Amino acid sequence: MSMLTPPGMGGQYRITGDKYPRMRPPRRRARLVAAVVASVAVLGLIGWGTLQLIDVFTGGAKKSTTASSKTDCHPKVDTASQVKALPKPGQITVNVYNATARTGLAKDTADELKKRGFKIGDVGNAPGQFDKKVKSAGVLLGPAAARNSSLPVLATQLASAEQRTDTRKGTDVDLILGDAFKGLAQPAAADQALTRLTAPAPTASTKKSC
């Protein structure tokens, strides 16, 4: 019997000399667990810090780009073509009158207008109310209905001419040549002016495109 065995106890309660109860838990295992927990915490902090740095250098730019793409919405103008209803030169009859002292001016001008597609009506000297009284290059005269139709088309041939309307019947228009008249506009310039005049007028309807 061992000296550690109390008197009167034996058998399974007997304590031998090579076995005795341990009174405290092992310290090495606790230290190991603490070290593992600390390592995991440190790695987690390092990983979180790395993600923050990546977000600063890359994620912030993406967010700002996305935000700007959402806010930089420019209105988109949808232009619908609206063609101006103007007569063609072949639909306009022009009376050419000479209000100057130069002879043959009305006929020469009428011949040039005919080459450019206009119909020619009367050709001769200007009536008394205009004869020798037009100091400008010329006067375009027609009915009130011609103000936004025939007169602007004829004006492409003589841009400096004054446009007027009267109470006449019919659709003919007059070209009264004045003292400052040097000739009709060059064909290329007249064609460009006619193209701009008859070009489709855009009607803007604003839409947002993001």
N, C-alpha and C. Protein backbone atom coordinates (compact mmCIF):
# COMPACT_ATOMS: atom_id res chain seq x y z
N MET A 1 0.87 -1.19 0.00
CA MET A 1 0.00 0.00 0.00
C MET A 1 0.89 1.23 0.00
N SER A 2 0.43 2.21 -0.75
CA SER A 2 1.24 3.44 -0.83
C SER A 2 1.06 4.27 0.41
N MET A 3 2.00 5.10 0.63
CA MET A 3 1.93 6.00 1.78
C MET A 3 0.89 7.08 1.56
N LEU A 4 0.48 7.26 0.32
CA LEU A 4 -0.52 8.30 0.03
C LEU A 4 -1.92 7.80 0.22
N THR A 5 -2.11 6.51 0.42
CA THR A 5 -3.45 5.95 0.56
C THR A 5 -3.90 6.10 1.99
N PRO A 6 -5.05 6.75 2.19
CA PRO A 6 -5.55 6.92 3.56
C PRO A 6 -5.82 5.56 4.19
N PRO A 7 -5.76 5.53 5.51
CA PRO A 7 -6.01 4.25 6.18
C PRO A 7 -7.44 3.78 5.96
N GLY A 8 -7.63 2.54 5.76
CA GLY A 8 -8.95 1.94 5.57
C GLY A 8 -9.41 1.93 4.15
N MET A 9 -8.64 2.51 3.22
CA MET A 9 -9.03 2.54 1.81
C MET A 9 -8.06 1.71 1.02
N GLY A 10 -8.59 1.02 0.09
CA GLY A 10 -7.77 0.17 -0.75
C GLY A 10 -8.49 -0.16 -2.01
N GLY A 11 -8.06 -1.11 -2.69
CA GLY A 11 -8.71 -1.53 -3.94
C GLY A 11 -8.61 -0.44 -4.99
N GLN A 12 -9.82 -0.08 -5.51
CA GLN A 12 -9.83 0.90 -6.62
C GLN A 12 -9.54 2.31 -6.13
N TYR A 13 -9.64 2.50 -4.84
CA TYR A 13 -9.36 3.82 -4.31
C TYR A 13 -7.91 3.96 -3.91
N ARG A 14 -7.17 2.94 -4.11
CA ARG A 14 -5.78 2.97 -3.69
C ARG A 14 -5.00 3.82 -4.69
N ILE A 15 -4.18 4.69 -4.17
CA ILE A 15 -3.32 5.57 -4.99
C ILE A 15 -1.92 5.01 -4.97
N THR A 16 -1.48 4.70 -6.12
CA THR A 16 -0.13 4.15 -6.24
C THR A 16 0.85 5.27 -6.30
N GLY A 17 2.09 4.90 -6.24
CA GLY A 17 3.12 5.92 -6.19
C GLY A 17 3.36 6.61 -7.52
N ASP A 18 3.05 5.97 -8.64
CA ASP A 18 3.32 6.58 -9.96
C ASP A 18 2.11 7.28 -10.54
N LYS A 19 0.95 7.34 -9.89
CA LYS A 19 -0.26 8.04 -10.36
C LYS A 19 -0.77 8.91 -9.24
N TYR A 20 -0.97 10.23 -9.58
CA TYR A 20 -1.52 11.13 -8.58
C TYR A 20 -2.28 12.23 -9.33
N PRO A 21 -3.29 12.79 -8.74
CA PRO A 21 -4.14 13.80 -9.43
C PRO A 21 -3.39 15.09 -9.66
N ARG A 22 -3.63 15.66 -10.91
CA ARG A 22 -3.05 16.97 -11.25
C ARG A 22 -4.00 18.06 -10.76
N MET A 23 -3.49 19.04 -10.08
CA MET A 23 -4.32 20.02 -9.42
C MET A 23 -4.53 21.29 -10.27
N ARG A 24 -3.78 21.51 -11.42
CA ARG A 24 -3.94 22.72 -12.25
C ARG A 24 -3.90 22.34 -13.73
N PRO A 25 -4.63 23.07 -14.59
CA PRO A 25 -4.62 22.76 -16.03
C PRO A 25 -3.28 23.09 -16.64
N PRO A 26 -2.97 22.48 -17.74
CA PRO A 26 -1.68 22.76 -18.40
C PRO A 26 -1.64 24.17 -18.95
N ARG A 27 -0.53 24.84 -18.77
CA ARG A 27 -0.39 26.22 -19.22
C ARG A 27 -0.04 26.32 -20.70
N ARG A 28 0.64 25.35 -21.23
CA ARG A 28 1.08 25.43 -22.63
C ARG A 28 -0.10 25.50 -23.59
N ARG A 29 -1.16 24.74 -23.35
CA ARG A 29 -2.32 24.74 -24.26
C ARG A 29 -3.01 26.10 -24.23
N ALA A 30 -3.15 26.72 -23.09
CA ALA A 30 -3.78 28.04 -23.00
C ALA A 30 -2.97 29.08 -23.75
N ARG A 31 -1.66 29.00 -23.59
CA ARG A 31 -0.82 29.95 -24.31
C ARG A 31 -0.93 29.76 -25.82
N LEU A 32 -1.01 28.50 -26.25
CA LEU A 32 -1.13 28.22 -27.68
C LEU A 32 -2.43 28.77 -28.24
N VAL A 33 -3.54 28.58 -27.51
CA VAL A 33 -4.84 29.09 -27.96
C VAL A 33 -4.81 30.61 -28.04
N ALA A 34 -4.22 31.25 -27.05
CA ALA A 34 -4.15 32.71 -27.04
C ALA A 34 -3.32 33.23 -28.21
N ALA A 35 -2.23 32.51 -28.51
CA ALA A 35 -1.38 32.93 -29.63
C ALA A 35 -2.13 32.81 -30.95
N VAL A 36 -2.89 31.73 -31.11
CA VAL A 36 -3.66 31.54 -32.36
C VAL A 36 -4.70 32.64 -32.52
N VAL A 37 -5.42 32.93 -31.42
CA VAL A 37 -6.45 33.98 -31.48
C VAL A 37 -5.83 35.33 -31.83
N ALA A 38 -4.70 35.63 -31.23
CA ALA A 38 -4.04 36.91 -31.51
C ALA A 38 -3.59 36.99 -32.96
N SER A 39 -3.06 35.86 -33.49
CA SER A 39 -2.60 35.85 -34.88
C SER A 39 -3.77 36.09 -35.83
N VAL A 40 -4.88 35.42 -35.55
CA VAL A 40 -6.06 35.60 -36.40
C VAL A 40 -6.53 37.05 -36.38
N ALA A 41 -6.53 37.66 -35.20
CA ALA A 41 -6.96 39.06 -35.07
C ALA A 41 -6.04 39.99 -35.85
N VAL A 42 -4.72 39.74 -35.74
CA VAL A 42 -3.75 40.57 -36.46
C VAL A 42 -3.93 40.44 -37.96
N LEU A 43 -4.10 39.20 -38.44
CA LEU A 43 -4.30 38.97 -39.88
C LEU A 43 -5.58 39.65 -40.36
N GLY A 44 -6.62 39.60 -39.53
CA GLY A 44 -7.88 40.25 -39.90
C GLY A 44 -7.71 41.75 -40.03
N LEU A 45 -6.97 42.36 -39.08
CA LEU A 45 -6.74 43.80 -39.16
C LEU A 45 -5.93 44.17 -40.39
N ILE A 46 -4.92 43.35 -40.70
CA ILE A 46 -4.09 43.61 -41.88
C ILE A 46 -4.94 43.52 -43.16
N GLY A 47 -5.78 42.48 -43.22
CA GLY A 47 -6.64 42.32 -44.40
C GLY A 47 -7.61 43.48 -44.55
N TRP A 48 -8.21 43.91 -43.45
CA TRP A 48 -9.16 45.03 -43.50
C TRP A 48 -8.47 46.32 -43.94
N GLY A 49 -7.26 46.53 -43.40
CA GLY A 49 -6.51 47.72 -43.80
C GLY A 49 -6.15 47.69 -45.28
N THR A 50 -5.78 46.50 -45.77
CA THR A 50 -5.45 46.38 -47.20
C THR A 50 -6.66 46.69 -48.07
N LEU A 51 -7.83 46.19 -47.68
CA LEU A 51 -9.06 46.46 -48.45
C LEU A 51 -9.37 47.95 -48.44
N GLN A 52 -9.14 48.60 -47.31
CA GLN A 52 -9.40 50.04 -47.24
C GLN A 52 -8.49 50.81 -48.19
N LEU A 53 -7.21 50.39 -48.23
CA LEU A 53 -6.27 51.06 -49.14
C LEU A 53 -6.67 50.84 -50.59
N ILE A 54 -7.07 49.61 -50.91
CA ILE A 54 -7.49 49.32 -52.29
C ILE A 54 -8.71 50.16 -52.65
N ASP A 55 -9.64 50.29 -51.71
CA ASP A 55 -10.85 51.07 -51.96
C ASP A 55 -10.52 52.54 -52.17
N VAL A 56 -9.50 53.04 -51.41
CA VAL A 56 -9.12 54.43 -51.55
C VAL A 56 -8.56 54.71 -52.93
N PHE A 57 -7.67 53.79 -53.40
CA PHE A 57 -6.98 54.03 -54.66
C PHE A 57 -7.77 53.61 -55.89
N THR A 58 -8.72 52.72 -55.74
CA THR A 58 -9.47 52.24 -56.91
C THR A 58 -10.96 52.43 -56.77
N GLY A 59 -11.49 52.02 -55.64
CA GLY A 59 -12.94 52.07 -55.46
C GLY A 59 -13.49 53.47 -55.48
N GLY A 60 -12.76 54.43 -54.92
CA GLY A 60 -13.25 55.81 -54.89
C GLY A 60 -13.40 56.38 -56.28
N ALA A 61 -12.43 56.05 -57.16
CA ALA A 61 -12.50 56.55 -58.54
C ALA A 61 -13.68 55.98 -59.26
N LYS A 62 -13.94 54.66 -59.03
CA LYS A 62 -15.09 54.04 -59.69
C LYS A 62 -16.38 54.67 -59.24
N LYS A 63 -16.48 54.95 -57.90
CA LYS A 63 -17.70 55.55 -57.39
C LYS A 63 -17.91 56.94 -57.97
N SER A 64 -16.79 57.72 -58.03
CA SER A 64 -16.94 59.06 -58.57
C SER A 64 -17.30 59.03 -60.03
N THR A 65 -16.72 58.04 -60.79
CA THR A 65 -17.07 57.92 -62.20
C THR A 65 -18.52 57.56 -62.38
N THR A 66 -18.98 56.61 -61.53
CA THR A 66 -20.39 56.22 -61.62
C THR A 66 -21.30 57.36 -61.28
N ALA A 67 -20.92 58.11 -60.23
CA ALA A 67 -21.76 59.24 -59.82
C ALA A 67 -21.81 60.30 -60.90
N SER A 68 -20.63 60.59 -61.51
CA SER A 68 -20.61 61.61 -62.55
C SER A 68 -21.39 61.17 -63.76
N SER A 69 -21.33 59.86 -64.06
CA SER A 69 -22.07 59.38 -65.22
C SER A 69 -23.57 59.48 -65.01
N LYS A 70 -23.98 59.44 -63.73
CA LYS A 70 -25.40 59.56 -63.45
C LYS A 70 -25.85 61.01 -63.42
N THR A 71 -24.95 61.89 -62.96
CA THR A 71 -25.35 63.28 -62.82
C THR A 71 -25.09 64.09 -64.08
N ASP A 72 -24.10 63.70 -64.90
CA ASP A 72 -23.80 64.46 -66.10
C ASP A 72 -24.76 64.08 -67.22
N CYS A 73 -26.01 64.31 -67.00
CA CYS A 73 -27.02 64.02 -68.01
C CYS A 73 -27.24 65.28 -68.82
N HIS A 74 -26.90 65.22 -70.08
CA HIS A 74 -27.07 66.38 -70.94
C HIS A 74 -28.36 66.23 -71.73
N PRO A 75 -29.09 67.30 -71.86
CA PRO A 75 -30.31 67.21 -72.65
C PRO A 75 -30.01 66.92 -74.10
N LYS A 76 -30.70 65.99 -74.64
CA LYS A 76 -30.53 65.62 -76.03
C LYS A 76 -31.63 66.26 -76.85
N VAL A 77 -31.20 66.98 -77.85
CA VAL A 77 -32.16 67.69 -78.68
C VAL A 77 -32.53 66.82 -79.86
N ASP A 78 -33.79 66.49 -79.92
CA ASP A 78 -34.30 65.70 -81.03
C ASP A 78 -34.88 66.65 -82.06
N THR A 79 -34.19 66.78 -83.18
CA THR A 79 -34.62 67.72 -84.20
C THR A 79 -35.47 67.01 -85.23
N ALA A 80 -36.69 67.42 -85.31
CA ALA A 80 -37.58 66.88 -86.32
C ALA A 80 -37.60 67.84 -87.50
N SER A 81 -37.40 67.33 -88.68
CA SER A 81 -37.32 68.18 -89.86
C SER A 81 -38.70 68.71 -90.23
N GLN A 82 -38.74 70.02 -90.39
CA GLN A 82 -39.97 70.69 -90.79
C GLN A 82 -39.63 71.53 -92.01
N VAL A 83 -39.95 71.02 -93.18
CA VAL A 83 -39.59 71.68 -94.43
C VAL A 83 -40.47 72.90 -94.64
N LYS A 84 -39.81 74.03 -94.99
CA LYS A 84 -40.56 75.24 -95.26
C LYS A 84 -41.27 75.11 -96.60
N ALA A 85 -42.52 75.50 -96.60
CA ALA A 85 -43.32 75.42 -97.83
C ALA A 85 -43.10 76.69 -98.64
N LEU A 86 -42.04 76.73 -99.44
CA LEU A 86 -41.74 77.88 -100.29
C LEU A 86 -41.82 77.46 -101.75
N PRO A 87 -42.27 78.36 -102.60
CA PRO A 87 -42.34 78.02 -104.03
C PRO A 87 -40.96 77.92 -104.65
N LYS A 88 -40.86 77.12 -105.68
CA LYS A 88 -39.61 77.02 -106.43
C LYS A 88 -39.55 78.18 -107.43
N PRO A 89 -38.34 78.51 -107.89
CA PRO A 89 -38.23 79.62 -108.86
C PRO A 89 -39.14 79.44 -110.07
N GLY A 90 -39.32 78.21 -110.53
CA GLY A 90 -40.17 77.98 -111.69
C GLY A 90 -41.63 78.25 -111.44
N GLN A 91 -42.03 78.42 -110.18
CA GLN A 91 -43.42 78.71 -109.83
C GLN A 91 -43.65 80.20 -109.60
N ILE A 92 -42.62 81.00 -109.78
CA ILE A 92 -42.70 82.44 -109.51
C ILE A 92 -42.57 83.21 -110.82
N THR A 93 -43.55 84.07 -111.08
CA THR A 93 -43.51 84.95 -112.25
C THR A 93 -43.02 86.33 -111.82
N VAL A 94 -41.92 86.79 -112.46
CA VAL A 94 -41.29 88.04 -112.07
C VAL A 94 -41.44 89.07 -113.19
N ASN A 95 -41.94 90.23 -112.83
CA ASN A 95 -41.96 91.38 -113.73
C ASN A 95 -40.72 92.22 -113.44
N VAL A 96 -39.93 92.50 -114.46
CA VAL A 96 -38.67 93.23 -114.26
C VAL A 96 -38.83 94.64 -114.83
N TYR A 97 -38.62 95.64 -113.95
CA TYR A 97 -38.77 97.04 -114.37
C TYR A 97 -37.49 97.81 -114.08
N ASN A 98 -37.16 98.72 -114.98
CA ASN A 98 -35.95 99.53 -114.86
C ASN A 98 -36.33 100.93 -114.40
N ALA A 99 -35.85 101.30 -113.21
CA ALA A 99 -36.13 102.64 -112.67
C ALA A 99 -34.94 103.56 -112.84
N THR A 100 -33.92 103.14 -113.60
CA THR A 100 -32.72 103.94 -113.79
C THR A 100 -32.71 104.54 -115.20
N ALA A 101 -31.65 105.33 -115.45
CA ALA A 101 -31.50 105.94 -116.78
C ALA A 101 -30.71 105.02 -117.72
N ARG A 102 -30.28 103.91 -117.24
CA ARG A 102 -29.52 102.97 -118.08
C ARG A 102 -30.46 102.17 -118.96
N THR A 103 -30.13 102.06 -120.22
CA THR A 103 -30.99 101.35 -121.16
C THR A 103 -30.63 99.86 -121.19
N GLY A 104 -31.64 99.04 -121.42
CA GLY A 104 -31.42 97.61 -121.56
C GLY A 104 -31.21 96.87 -120.25
N LEU A 105 -31.29 97.56 -119.14
CA LEU A 105 -31.00 96.94 -117.84
C LEU A 105 -32.08 95.92 -117.46
N ALA A 106 -33.33 96.24 -117.73
CA ALA A 106 -34.42 95.35 -117.37
C ALA A 106 -34.36 94.06 -118.19
N LYS A 107 -34.09 94.19 -119.49
CA LYS A 107 -34.05 93.01 -120.36
C LYS A 107 -32.89 92.08 -119.98
N ASP A 108 -31.72 92.65 -119.75
CA ASP A 108 -30.57 91.82 -119.39
C ASP A 108 -30.82 91.08 -118.08
N THR A 109 -31.41 91.77 -117.13
CA THR A 109 -31.69 91.16 -115.83
C THR A 109 -32.75 90.07 -115.97
N ALA A 110 -33.78 90.34 -116.77
CA ALA A 110 -34.83 89.35 -116.99
C ALA A 110 -34.27 88.09 -117.64
N ASP A 111 -33.38 88.25 -118.60
CA ASP A 111 -32.77 87.09 -119.26
C ASP A 111 -31.97 86.25 -118.26
N GLU A 112 -31.27 86.92 -117.36
CA GLU A 112 -30.48 86.18 -116.36
C GLU A 112 -31.39 85.44 -115.38
N LEU A 113 -32.49 86.09 -114.97
CA LEU A 113 -33.43 85.41 -114.08
C LEU A 113 -34.06 84.20 -114.76
N LYS A 114 -34.31 84.32 -116.05
CA LYS A 114 -34.90 83.19 -116.78
C LYS A 114 -33.93 82.01 -116.80
N LYS A 115 -32.64 82.29 -116.94
CA LYS A 115 -31.64 81.22 -116.92
C LYS A 115 -31.61 80.52 -115.55
N ARG A 116 -31.96 81.25 -114.53
CA ARG A 116 -31.92 80.69 -113.17
C ARG A 116 -33.24 80.02 -112.77
N GLY A 117 -34.15 79.90 -113.74
CA GLY A 117 -35.35 79.12 -113.50
C GLY A 117 -36.62 79.89 -113.22
N PHE A 118 -36.56 81.22 -113.15
CA PHE A 118 -37.76 82.01 -112.88
C PHE A 118 -38.56 82.23 -114.16
N LYS A 119 -39.85 82.38 -113.97
CA LYS A 119 -40.73 82.77 -115.09
C LYS A 119 -40.70 84.29 -115.22
N ILE A 120 -40.70 84.76 -116.43
CA ILE A 120 -40.62 86.20 -116.65
C ILE A 120 -41.95 86.70 -117.21
N GLY A 121 -42.43 87.79 -116.59
CA GLY A 121 -43.67 88.43 -117.04
C GLY A 121 -43.37 89.66 -117.85
N ASP A 122 -43.77 90.81 -117.36
CA ASP A 122 -43.53 92.08 -118.07
C ASP A 122 -42.09 92.53 -117.88
N VAL A 123 -41.54 93.14 -118.92
CA VAL A 123 -40.19 93.71 -118.87
C VAL A 123 -40.26 95.11 -119.47
N GLY A 124 -39.77 96.10 -118.75
CA GLY A 124 -39.81 97.47 -119.27
C GLY A 124 -39.40 98.48 -118.24
N ASN A 125 -39.81 99.73 -118.48
CA ASN A 125 -39.49 100.81 -117.56
C ASN A 125 -40.41 100.76 -116.33
N ALA A 126 -39.93 101.26 -115.24
CA ALA A 126 -40.70 101.26 -113.99
C ALA A 126 -41.85 102.26 -114.09
N PRO A 127 -42.94 101.99 -113.39
CA PRO A 127 -44.05 102.95 -113.36
C PRO A 127 -43.62 104.26 -112.71
N GLY A 128 -44.44 105.31 -112.91
CA GLY A 128 -44.09 106.65 -112.49
C GLY A 128 -43.75 106.78 -111.03
N GLN A 129 -44.39 106.02 -110.18
CA GLN A 129 -44.12 106.16 -108.74
C GLN A 129 -42.73 105.69 -108.35
N PHE A 130 -42.07 104.91 -109.25
CA PHE A 130 -40.73 104.40 -108.95
C PHE A 130 -39.67 104.94 -109.93
N ASP A 131 -40.06 105.36 -111.09
CA ASP A 131 -39.11 105.75 -112.13
C ASP A 131 -38.20 106.87 -111.65
N LYS A 132 -36.89 106.63 -111.71
CA LYS A 132 -35.85 107.56 -111.28
C LYS A 132 -35.95 107.92 -109.80
N LYS A 133 -36.63 107.11 -109.02
CA LYS A 133 -36.82 107.41 -107.60
C LYS A 133 -36.26 106.33 -106.68
N VAL A 134 -35.68 105.28 -107.25
CA VAL A 134 -35.13 104.18 -106.43
C VAL A 134 -33.62 104.35 -106.36
N LYS A 135 -33.12 104.74 -105.22
CA LYS A 135 -31.68 104.96 -105.06
C LYS A 135 -30.94 103.69 -104.65
N SER A 136 -31.65 102.73 -104.10
CA SER A 136 -31.03 101.47 -103.67
C SER A 136 -30.83 100.55 -104.87
N ALA A 137 -30.37 99.34 -104.59
CA ALA A 137 -30.15 98.38 -105.67
C ALA A 137 -31.45 97.94 -106.31
N GLY A 138 -32.52 97.92 -105.55
CA GLY A 138 -33.79 97.51 -106.13
C GLY A 138 -34.87 97.35 -105.09
N VAL A 139 -36.08 97.16 -105.58
CA VAL A 139 -37.24 96.95 -104.72
C VAL A 139 -37.96 95.71 -105.22
N LEU A 140 -38.31 94.82 -104.28
CA LEU A 140 -39.12 93.64 -104.60
C LEU A 140 -40.53 93.94 -104.12
N LEU A 141 -41.49 93.85 -105.02
CA LEU A 141 -42.85 94.24 -104.70
C LEU A 141 -43.80 93.11 -105.08
N GLY A 142 -44.73 92.79 -104.19
CA GLY A 142 -45.68 91.72 -104.47
C GLY A 142 -46.87 91.78 -103.55
N PRO A 143 -47.82 90.87 -103.71
CA PRO A 143 -49.01 90.86 -102.84
C PRO A 143 -48.63 90.46 -101.42
N ALA A 144 -49.54 90.69 -100.48
CA ALA A 144 -49.28 90.37 -99.08
C ALA A 144 -48.97 88.89 -98.89
N ALA A 145 -49.60 88.04 -99.70
CA ALA A 145 -49.37 86.60 -99.58
C ALA A 145 -47.95 86.20 -99.97
N ALA A 146 -47.24 87.08 -100.68
CA ALA A 146 -45.89 86.76 -101.14
C ALA A 146 -44.82 87.12 -100.13
N ARG A 147 -45.23 87.74 -99.01
CA ARG A 147 -44.24 88.22 -98.04
C ARG A 147 -43.34 87.10 -97.54
N ASN A 148 -43.92 85.96 -97.25
CA ASN A 148 -43.14 84.82 -96.72
C ASN A 148 -43.05 83.67 -97.71
N SER A 149 -43.22 83.98 -98.97
CA SER A 149 -43.14 82.91 -99.98
C SER A 149 -42.31 83.36 -101.18
N SER A 150 -42.95 84.03 -102.15
CA SER A 150 -42.25 84.39 -103.39
C SER A 150 -41.17 85.45 -103.18
N LEU A 151 -41.44 86.45 -102.38
CA LEU A 151 -40.47 87.53 -102.20
C LEU A 151 -39.15 87.05 -101.59
N PRO A 152 -39.17 86.25 -100.52
CA PRO A 152 -37.88 85.76 -100.00
C PRO A 152 -37.10 84.92 -101.01
N VAL A 153 -37.81 84.14 -101.84
CA VAL A 153 -37.12 83.33 -102.84
C VAL A 153 -36.47 84.23 -103.88
N LEU A 154 -37.19 85.25 -104.35
CA LEU A 154 -36.62 86.18 -105.31
C LEU A 154 -35.48 86.98 -104.70
N ALA A 155 -35.57 87.24 -103.39
CA ALA A 155 -34.53 88.02 -102.71
C ALA A 155 -33.19 87.30 -102.67
N THR A 156 -33.19 86.00 -102.86
CA THR A 156 -31.90 85.28 -102.89
C THR A 156 -31.07 85.71 -104.10
N GLN A 157 -31.71 86.30 -105.10
CA GLN A 157 -30.99 86.75 -106.30
C GLN A 157 -30.49 88.18 -106.17
N LEU A 158 -31.05 88.92 -105.22
CA LEU A 158 -30.63 90.29 -104.98
C LEU A 158 -30.85 90.59 -103.50
N ALA A 159 -29.88 90.20 -102.70
CA ALA A 159 -30.05 90.23 -101.24
C ALA A 159 -30.26 91.63 -100.70
N SER A 160 -29.71 92.64 -101.37
CA SER A 160 -29.80 94.01 -100.84
C SER A 160 -31.10 94.72 -101.23
N ALA A 161 -31.97 94.05 -101.96
CA ALA A 161 -33.21 94.68 -102.40
C ALA A 161 -34.19 94.80 -101.25
N GLU A 162 -34.97 95.87 -101.28
CA GLU A 162 -36.00 96.10 -100.26
C GLU A 162 -37.26 95.33 -100.64
N GLN A 163 -37.90 94.70 -99.66
CA GLN A 163 -39.11 93.92 -99.92
C GLN A 163 -40.34 94.69 -99.44
N ARG A 164 -41.33 94.81 -100.33
CA ARG A 164 -42.56 95.51 -100.01
C ARG A 164 -43.76 94.71 -100.51
N THR A 165 -44.92 95.04 -99.99
CA THR A 165 -46.16 94.42 -100.47
C THR A 165 -47.17 95.50 -100.80
N ASP A 166 -48.12 95.15 -101.67
CA ASP A 166 -49.20 96.07 -102.02
C ASP A 166 -50.52 95.30 -102.08
N THR A 167 -51.54 95.94 -102.60
CA THR A 167 -52.88 95.33 -102.60
C THR A 167 -53.23 94.69 -103.95
N ARG A 168 -52.28 94.37 -104.74
CA ARG A 168 -52.53 93.79 -106.05
C ARG A 168 -53.21 92.44 -105.96
N LYS A 169 -53.85 92.04 -107.01
CA LYS A 169 -54.42 90.71 -107.13
C LYS A 169 -53.47 89.85 -107.94
N GLY A 170 -53.51 88.57 -107.70
CA GLY A 170 -52.61 87.68 -108.40
C GLY A 170 -51.37 87.37 -107.59
N THR A 171 -50.46 86.60 -108.18
CA THR A 171 -49.27 86.15 -107.45
C THR A 171 -47.97 86.67 -108.05
N ASP A 172 -48.04 87.45 -109.14
CA ASP A 172 -46.82 87.98 -109.75
C ASP A 172 -46.09 88.91 -108.79
N VAL A 173 -44.77 88.95 -108.90
CA VAL A 173 -43.97 89.87 -108.10
C VAL A 173 -43.13 90.73 -109.04
N ASP A 174 -42.77 91.92 -108.58
CA ASP A 174 -42.00 92.87 -109.38
C ASP A 174 -40.58 92.99 -108.86
N LEU A 175 -39.63 93.09 -109.77
CA LEU A 175 -38.26 93.45 -109.43
C LEU A 175 -37.99 94.79 -110.09
N ILE A 176 -37.90 95.82 -109.27
CA ILE A 176 -37.68 97.18 -109.76
C ILE A 176 -36.23 97.54 -109.50
N LEU A 177 -35.46 97.74 -110.56
CA LEU A 177 -34.03 97.97 -110.47
C LEU A 177 -33.74 99.44 -110.18
N GLY A 178 -32.90 99.70 -109.17
CA GLY A 178 -32.57 101.07 -108.76
C GLY A 178 -31.18 101.49 -109.19
N ASP A 179 -30.82 102.71 -108.79
CA ASP A 179 -29.54 103.30 -109.21
C ASP A 179 -28.33 102.52 -108.70
N ALA A 180 -28.41 101.89 -107.54
CA ALA A 180 -27.28 101.17 -106.96
C ALA A 180 -27.16 99.74 -107.48
N PHE A 181 -28.01 99.38 -108.44
CA PHE A 181 -27.97 98.00 -108.95
C PHE A 181 -26.69 97.79 -109.77
N LYS A 182 -25.93 96.74 -109.41
CA LYS A 182 -24.70 96.38 -110.12
C LYS A 182 -24.83 95.04 -110.82
N GLY A 183 -25.87 94.30 -110.48
CA GLY A 183 -26.06 92.97 -111.05
C GLY A 183 -26.66 92.05 -110.01
N LEU A 184 -27.15 90.92 -110.49
CA LEU A 184 -27.71 89.92 -109.58
C LEU A 184 -26.60 89.24 -108.79
N ALA A 185 -26.96 88.56 -107.73
CA ALA A 185 -25.98 87.80 -106.95
C ALA A 185 -25.36 86.71 -107.83
N GLN A 186 -24.12 86.36 -107.54
CA GLN A 186 -23.48 85.28 -108.27
C GLN A 186 -24.30 84.01 -108.15
N PRO A 187 -24.37 83.21 -109.21
CA PRO A 187 -25.21 82.00 -109.16
C PRO A 187 -24.92 81.10 -107.96
N ALA A 188 -23.64 80.89 -107.62
CA ALA A 188 -23.30 80.02 -106.49
C ALA A 188 -23.82 80.60 -105.18
N ALA A 189 -23.65 81.91 -104.99
CA ALA A 189 -24.12 82.56 -103.76
C ALA A 189 -25.64 82.53 -103.69
N ALA A 190 -26.30 82.74 -104.85
CA ALA A 190 -27.76 82.70 -104.87
C ALA A 190 -28.28 81.30 -104.55
N ASP A 191 -27.59 80.28 -105.09
CA ASP A 191 -28.01 78.90 -104.82
C ASP A 191 -27.84 78.56 -103.34
N GLN A 192 -26.73 79.02 -102.75
CA GLN A 192 -26.52 78.76 -101.33
C GLN A 192 -27.58 79.45 -100.47
N ALA A 193 -27.92 80.68 -100.85
CA ALA A 193 -28.95 81.40 -100.10
C ALA A 193 -30.30 80.70 -100.24
N LEU A 194 -30.58 80.19 -101.44
CA LEU A 194 -31.85 79.48 -101.65
C LEU A 194 -31.87 78.17 -100.87
N THR A 195 -30.73 77.48 -100.79
CA THR A 195 -30.65 76.24 -100.03
C THR A 195 -30.88 76.49 -98.55
N ARG A 196 -30.26 77.54 -98.02
CA ARG A 196 -30.46 77.88 -96.60
C ARG A 196 -31.91 78.26 -96.33
N LEU A 197 -32.51 78.93 -97.31
CA LEU A 197 -33.88 79.40 -97.12
C LEU A 197 -34.87 78.25 -97.09
N THR A 198 -34.63 77.24 -97.91
CA THR A 198 -35.56 76.11 -98.01
C THR A 198 -35.14 74.91 -97.18
N ALA A 199 -34.06 75.05 -96.40
CA ALA A 199 -33.60 73.93 -95.57
C ALA A 199 -34.62 73.63 -94.49
N PRO A 200 -34.69 72.34 -94.06
CA PRO A 200 -35.63 71.99 -92.99
C PRO A 200 -35.34 72.77 -91.73
N ALA A 201 -36.37 73.29 -91.11
CA ALA A 201 -36.23 74.02 -89.85
C ALA A 201 -36.37 73.04 -88.70
N PRO A 202 -35.35 72.91 -87.83
CA PRO A 202 -35.44 71.95 -86.71
C PRO A 202 -36.42 72.40 -85.65
N THR A 203 -37.23 71.48 -85.19
CA THR A 203 -38.11 71.73 -84.05
C THR A 203 -37.56 70.92 -82.89
N ALA A 204 -37.01 71.62 -81.90
CA ALA A 204 -36.27 70.97 -80.82
C ALA A 204 -37.22 70.44 -79.76
N SER A 205 -37.07 69.14 -79.45
CA SER A 205 -37.75 68.55 -78.31
C SER A 205 -36.69 67.95 -77.41
N THR A 206 -36.54 68.51 -76.21
CA THR A 206 -35.44 68.14 -75.32
C THR A 206 -35.72 66.83 -74.62
N LYS A 207 -34.71 65.94 -74.68
CA LYS A 207 -34.78 64.67 -73.97
C LYS A 207 -33.51 64.52 -73.16
N LYS A 208 -33.61 63.83 -72.02
CA LYS A 208 -32.43 63.56 -71.20
C LYS A 208 -31.83 62.23 -71.61
N SER A 209 -30.52 62.25 -71.85
CA SER A 209 -29.81 61.01 -72.15
C SER A 209 -28.71 60.84 -71.12
N CYS A 210 -28.79 59.78 -70.34
CA CYS A 210 -27.81 59.55 -69.28
C CYS A 210 -26.99 58.32 -69.62
